[in-house]
Amino acid sequence: MSVIQQVYLAEAGYSIYIKGIKPDKDNECSGEITINGNPTRLERKERYHIDGSMLVTDNYHIPMDFIINFLQANGCIEQKEDGKRYVVLKEVEFKLNK
């Protein structure tokens, strides 16, 4: 099961839904994000890069808090050598429950 993250874009007045993310192998600060929702309501994949506290695509600026929530909800947590657990940016693909 995968968890979808809703992101309300206040300035635009609508929500989008993050359904997947796939960081580039050579640079995890860029990659491809799968989004569903307004304005077209169609699922689409967009290239992204991380700029400070925002994930930026050609069409959206998504606060990283939403990305972190999405990754946490989808089990993207690893324990490091210091014994602490961290959210990690790794591939998540939406799968329906069957």
N, C-alpha and C. Protein backbone atom coordinates (compact mmCIF):
# COMPACT_ATOMS: atom_id res chain seq x y z
N MET A 1 0.84 -1.18 0.00
CA MET A 1 0.00 0.00 0.00
C MET A 1 0.88 1.24 0.00
N SER A 2 0.45 2.23 -0.74
CA SER A 2 1.13 3.52 -0.76
C SER A 2 0.17 4.58 -0.24
N VAL A 3 0.74 5.63 0.29
CA VAL A 3 -0.05 6.74 0.82
C VAL A 3 0.15 7.94 -0.09
N ILE A 4 -0.94 8.59 -0.45
CA ILE A 4 -0.91 9.80 -1.27
C ILE A 4 -0.87 11.01 -0.34
N GLN A 5 -0.12 12.04 -0.72
CA GLN A 5 -0.03 13.27 0.07
C GLN A 5 -0.77 14.39 -0.63
N GLN A 6 -1.78 14.97 0.04
CA GLN A 6 -2.48 16.12 -0.49
C GLN A 6 -1.69 17.37 -0.17
N VAL A 7 -1.60 18.28 -1.15
CA VAL A 7 -0.93 19.57 -0.97
C VAL A 7 -1.91 20.65 -1.42
N TYR A 8 -2.35 21.48 -0.48
CA TYR A 8 -3.23 22.60 -0.85
C TYR A 8 -2.37 23.79 -1.23
N LEU A 9 -2.57 24.29 -2.43
CA LEU A 9 -1.84 25.45 -2.92
C LEU A 9 -2.72 26.68 -2.74
N ALA A 10 -2.51 27.40 -1.64
CA ALA A 10 -3.40 28.50 -1.25
C ALA A 10 -3.49 29.59 -2.32
N GLU A 11 -2.35 29.98 -2.88
CA GLU A 11 -2.38 31.05 -3.88
C GLU A 11 -3.17 30.65 -5.12
N ALA A 12 -3.08 29.38 -5.51
CA ALA A 12 -3.80 28.90 -6.69
C ALA A 12 -5.25 28.54 -6.36
N GLY A 13 -5.52 28.20 -5.10
CA GLY A 13 -6.87 27.88 -4.67
C GLY A 13 -7.29 26.45 -4.95
N TYR A 14 -6.37 25.53 -5.09
CA TYR A 14 -6.71 24.13 -5.32
C TYR A 14 -5.65 23.22 -4.73
N SER A 15 -5.95 21.92 -4.72
CA SER A 15 -5.03 20.92 -4.19
C SER A 15 -4.44 20.08 -5.30
N ILE A 16 -3.25 19.59 -5.05
CA ILE A 16 -2.65 18.56 -5.89
C ILE A 16 -2.35 17.37 -4.98
N TYR A 17 -2.09 16.24 -5.57
CA TYR A 17 -1.83 15.03 -4.81
C TYR A 17 -0.52 14.41 -5.29
N ILE A 18 0.40 14.19 -4.36
CA ILE A 18 1.67 13.57 -4.69
C ILE A 18 1.46 12.06 -4.63
N LYS A 19 1.74 11.38 -5.75
CA LYS A 19 1.52 9.92 -5.82
C LYS A 19 2.82 9.14 -5.91
N GLY A 20 3.91 9.81 -6.25
CA GLY A 20 5.18 9.10 -6.37
C GLY A 20 6.33 10.07 -6.51
N ILE A 21 7.51 9.57 -6.22
CA ILE A 21 8.72 10.37 -6.37
C ILE A 21 9.87 9.43 -6.73
N LYS A 22 10.74 9.89 -7.60
CA LYS A 22 11.87 9.07 -8.01
C LYS A 22 13.09 9.98 -8.18
N PRO A 23 13.96 10.00 -7.16
CA PRO A 23 15.17 10.83 -7.27
C PRO A 23 16.11 10.27 -8.34
N ASP A 24 16.87 11.16 -8.95
CA ASP A 24 17.89 10.73 -9.90
C ASP A 24 18.95 9.92 -9.15
N LYS A 25 19.53 8.95 -9.82
CA LYS A 25 20.57 8.11 -9.17
C LYS A 25 21.82 8.91 -8.83
N ASP A 26 22.18 9.86 -9.69
CA ASP A 26 23.42 10.61 -9.48
C ASP A 26 23.24 11.88 -8.65
N ASN A 27 21.98 12.31 -8.43
CA ASN A 27 21.73 13.53 -7.66
C ASN A 27 20.33 13.45 -7.07
N GLU A 28 20.21 13.12 -5.78
CA GLU A 28 18.89 12.96 -5.18
C GLU A 28 18.14 14.27 -5.01
N CYS A 29 18.79 15.40 -5.25
CA CYS A 29 18.12 16.70 -5.16
C CYS A 29 17.37 17.05 -6.44
N SER A 30 17.34 16.13 -7.39
CA SER A 30 16.53 16.31 -8.59
C SER A 30 15.98 14.95 -8.98
N GLY A 31 14.95 14.96 -9.80
CA GLY A 31 14.34 13.71 -10.21
C GLY A 31 12.98 13.93 -10.83
N GLU A 32 12.08 12.96 -10.61
CA GLU A 32 10.76 12.99 -11.20
C GLU A 32 9.72 12.79 -10.11
N ILE A 33 8.65 13.59 -10.14
CA ILE A 33 7.56 13.48 -9.18
C ILE A 33 6.28 13.19 -9.95
N THR A 34 5.44 12.31 -9.40
CA THR A 34 4.15 11.99 -10.01
C THR A 34 3.07 12.74 -9.23
N ILE A 35 2.32 13.55 -9.95
CA ILE A 35 1.30 14.43 -9.35
C ILE A 35 -0.03 14.18 -10.03
N ASN A 36 -1.09 14.27 -9.23
CA ASN A 36 -2.45 14.15 -9.75
C ASN A 36 -3.25 15.31 -9.16
N GLY A 37 -4.14 15.88 -9.94
CA GLY A 37 -5.00 16.93 -9.39
C GLY A 37 -5.16 18.10 -10.33
N ASN A 38 -5.63 19.20 -9.78
CA ASN A 38 -5.87 20.40 -10.58
C ASN A 38 -4.58 20.93 -11.16
N PRO A 39 -4.60 21.69 -12.22
CA PRO A 39 -5.80 22.12 -12.92
C PRO A 39 -6.37 21.08 -13.89
N THR A 40 -5.63 20.06 -14.28
CA THR A 40 -6.13 19.12 -15.28
C THR A 40 -6.75 17.86 -14.70
N ARG A 41 -6.46 17.54 -13.44
CA ARG A 41 -6.91 16.34 -12.76
C ARG A 41 -6.29 15.07 -13.35
N LEU A 42 -5.42 15.19 -14.29
CA LEU A 42 -4.74 14.04 -14.87
C LEU A 42 -3.45 13.75 -14.12
N GLU A 43 -3.09 12.49 -14.07
CA GLU A 43 -1.80 12.14 -13.48
C GLU A 43 -0.70 12.52 -14.46
N ARG A 44 0.34 13.13 -13.94
CA ARG A 44 1.47 13.50 -14.80
C ARG A 44 2.76 13.41 -14.01
N LYS A 45 3.82 13.23 -14.75
CA LYS A 45 5.15 13.19 -14.16
C LYS A 45 5.87 14.48 -14.53
N GLU A 46 6.50 15.10 -13.54
CA GLU A 46 7.22 16.34 -13.78
C GLU A 46 8.62 16.22 -13.20
N ARG A 47 9.56 16.84 -13.85
CA ARG A 47 10.92 16.92 -13.33
C ARG A 47 10.94 17.91 -12.18
N TYR A 48 11.75 17.63 -11.17
CA TYR A 48 11.86 18.53 -10.03
C TYR A 48 13.32 18.75 -9.67
N HIS A 49 13.54 19.81 -8.90
CA HIS A 49 14.80 20.01 -8.19
C HIS A 49 14.45 20.63 -6.84
N ILE A 50 15.31 20.40 -5.87
CA ILE A 50 15.08 20.94 -4.53
C ILE A 50 15.88 22.23 -4.40
N ASP A 51 15.16 23.28 -4.01
CA ASP A 51 15.77 24.60 -3.83
C ASP A 51 15.45 25.06 -2.42
N GLY A 52 16.38 24.84 -1.50
CA GLY A 52 16.15 25.23 -0.10
C GLY A 52 15.05 24.40 0.51
N SER A 53 13.97 25.05 0.91
CA SER A 53 12.87 24.35 1.56
C SER A 53 11.70 24.08 0.61
N MET A 54 11.97 24.13 -0.70
CA MET A 54 10.92 23.91 -1.70
C MET A 54 11.35 22.86 -2.72
N LEU A 55 10.39 22.03 -3.13
CA LEU A 55 10.57 21.15 -4.27
C LEU A 55 9.94 21.89 -5.44
N VAL A 56 10.72 22.16 -6.46
CA VAL A 56 10.30 23.03 -7.56
C VAL A 56 10.16 22.23 -8.85
N THR A 57 8.99 22.36 -9.50
CA THR A 57 8.78 21.82 -10.84
C THR A 57 8.49 23.01 -11.75
N ASP A 58 8.24 22.75 -13.02
CA ASP A 58 7.88 23.85 -13.92
C ASP A 58 6.57 24.50 -13.52
N ASN A 59 5.68 23.74 -12.87
CA ASN A 59 4.35 24.24 -12.55
C ASN A 59 4.09 24.52 -11.07
N TYR A 60 4.91 23.96 -10.17
CA TYR A 60 4.61 24.05 -8.75
C TYR A 60 5.85 24.32 -7.92
N HIS A 61 5.61 24.97 -6.78
CA HIS A 61 6.60 25.10 -5.71
C HIS A 61 5.96 24.44 -4.49
N ILE A 62 6.46 23.26 -4.13
CA ILE A 62 5.86 22.47 -3.06
C ILE A 62 6.77 22.53 -1.84
N PRO A 63 6.25 22.99 -0.69
CA PRO A 63 7.08 23.02 0.52
C PRO A 63 7.59 21.61 0.87
N MET A 64 8.85 21.53 1.27
CA MET A 64 9.46 20.24 1.59
C MET A 64 8.76 19.53 2.75
N ASP A 65 8.05 20.26 3.61
CA ASP A 65 7.30 19.61 4.69
C ASP A 65 6.34 18.56 4.13
N PHE A 66 5.69 18.88 2.99
CA PHE A 66 4.76 17.93 2.37
C PHE A 66 5.51 16.71 1.82
N ILE A 67 6.68 16.95 1.26
CA ILE A 67 7.49 15.86 0.72
C ILE A 67 7.95 14.95 1.86
N ILE A 68 8.40 15.55 2.96
CA ILE A 68 8.84 14.77 4.12
C ILE A 68 7.68 13.95 4.69
N ASN A 69 6.49 14.54 4.80
CA ASN A 69 5.31 13.80 5.28
C ASN A 69 5.00 12.62 4.36
N PHE A 70 5.09 12.85 3.04
CA PHE A 70 4.84 11.80 2.05
C PHE A 70 5.84 10.66 2.21
N LEU A 71 7.11 11.00 2.35
CA LEU A 71 8.15 9.98 2.51
C LEU A 71 7.97 9.20 3.81
N GLN A 72 7.67 9.89 4.91
CA GLN A 72 7.44 9.22 6.20
C GLN A 72 6.27 8.25 6.10
N ALA A 73 5.16 8.71 5.52
CA ALA A 73 3.96 7.88 5.41
C ALA A 73 4.20 6.64 4.56
N ASN A 74 5.21 6.70 3.69
CA ASN A 74 5.51 5.58 2.81
C ASN A 74 6.74 4.79 3.27
N GLY A 75 7.13 4.97 4.53
CA GLY A 75 8.17 4.15 5.12
C GLY A 75 9.60 4.46 4.69
N CYS A 76 9.85 5.66 4.23
CA CYS A 76 11.20 6.05 3.79
C CYS A 76 12.00 6.58 4.97
N ILE A 77 12.24 5.70 5.93
CA ILE A 77 12.96 6.06 7.15
C ILE A 77 14.08 5.05 7.33
N GLU A 78 15.27 5.55 7.63
CA GLU A 78 16.42 4.67 7.85
C GLU A 78 17.11 5.06 9.14
N GLN A 79 17.65 4.05 9.81
CA GLN A 79 18.44 4.31 11.01
C GLN A 79 19.90 4.44 10.59
N LYS A 80 20.52 5.50 11.01
CA LYS A 80 21.92 5.77 10.65
C LYS A 80 22.86 5.29 11.76
N GLU A 81 24.15 5.43 11.51
CA GLU A 81 25.17 4.96 12.44
C GLU A 81 25.07 5.61 13.82
N ASP A 82 24.57 6.84 13.86
CA ASP A 82 24.45 7.53 15.14
C ASP A 82 23.26 7.03 15.97
N GLY A 83 22.52 6.04 15.43
CA GLY A 83 21.38 5.47 16.14
C GLY A 83 20.08 6.21 15.92
N LYS A 84 20.13 7.36 15.27
CA LYS A 84 18.92 8.15 15.02
C LYS A 84 18.28 7.69 13.71
N ARG A 85 16.97 7.92 13.65
CA ARG A 85 16.22 7.58 12.43
C ARG A 85 15.98 8.85 11.63
N TYR A 86 16.17 8.75 10.32
CA TYR A 86 16.04 9.89 9.43
C TYR A 86 15.11 9.55 8.27
N VAL A 87 14.37 10.56 7.80
CA VAL A 87 13.60 10.42 6.57
C VAL A 87 14.58 10.52 5.41
N VAL A 88 14.48 9.59 4.47
CA VAL A 88 15.39 9.59 3.33
C VAL A 88 14.60 9.73 2.04
N LEU A 89 15.20 10.39 1.09
CA LEU A 89 14.59 10.60 -0.21
C LEU A 89 14.90 9.39 -1.08
N LYS A 90 13.87 8.58 -1.32
CA LYS A 90 14.04 7.42 -2.20
C LYS A 90 12.75 7.20 -2.97
N GLU A 91 12.82 6.30 -3.94
CA GLU A 91 11.70 6.11 -4.85
C GLU A 91 10.47 5.56 -4.14
N VAL A 92 9.31 6.18 -4.43
CA VAL A 92 8.01 5.73 -3.96
C VAL A 92 7.09 5.76 -5.15
N GLU A 93 6.37 4.66 -5.37
CA GLU A 93 5.41 4.59 -6.46
C GLU A 93 4.07 4.18 -5.89
N PHE A 94 3.00 4.88 -6.28
CA PHE A 94 1.67 4.59 -5.76
C PHE A 94 1.17 3.25 -6.28
N LYS A 95 0.67 2.44 -5.36
CA LYS A 95 0.07 1.15 -5.71
C LYS A 95 -1.26 1.04 -5.00
N LEU A 96 -2.29 0.65 -5.75
CA LEU A 96 -3.61 0.46 -5.16
C LEU A 96 -3.63 -0.79 -4.30
N ASN A 97 -4.47 -0.77 -3.25
CA ASN A 97 -4.69 -1.98 -2.45
C ASN A 97 -5.52 -2.95 -3.27
N LYS A 98 -5.16 -4.20 -3.21
CA LYS A 98 -5.96 -5.21 -3.94
C LYS A 98 -6.39 -6.30 -3.01
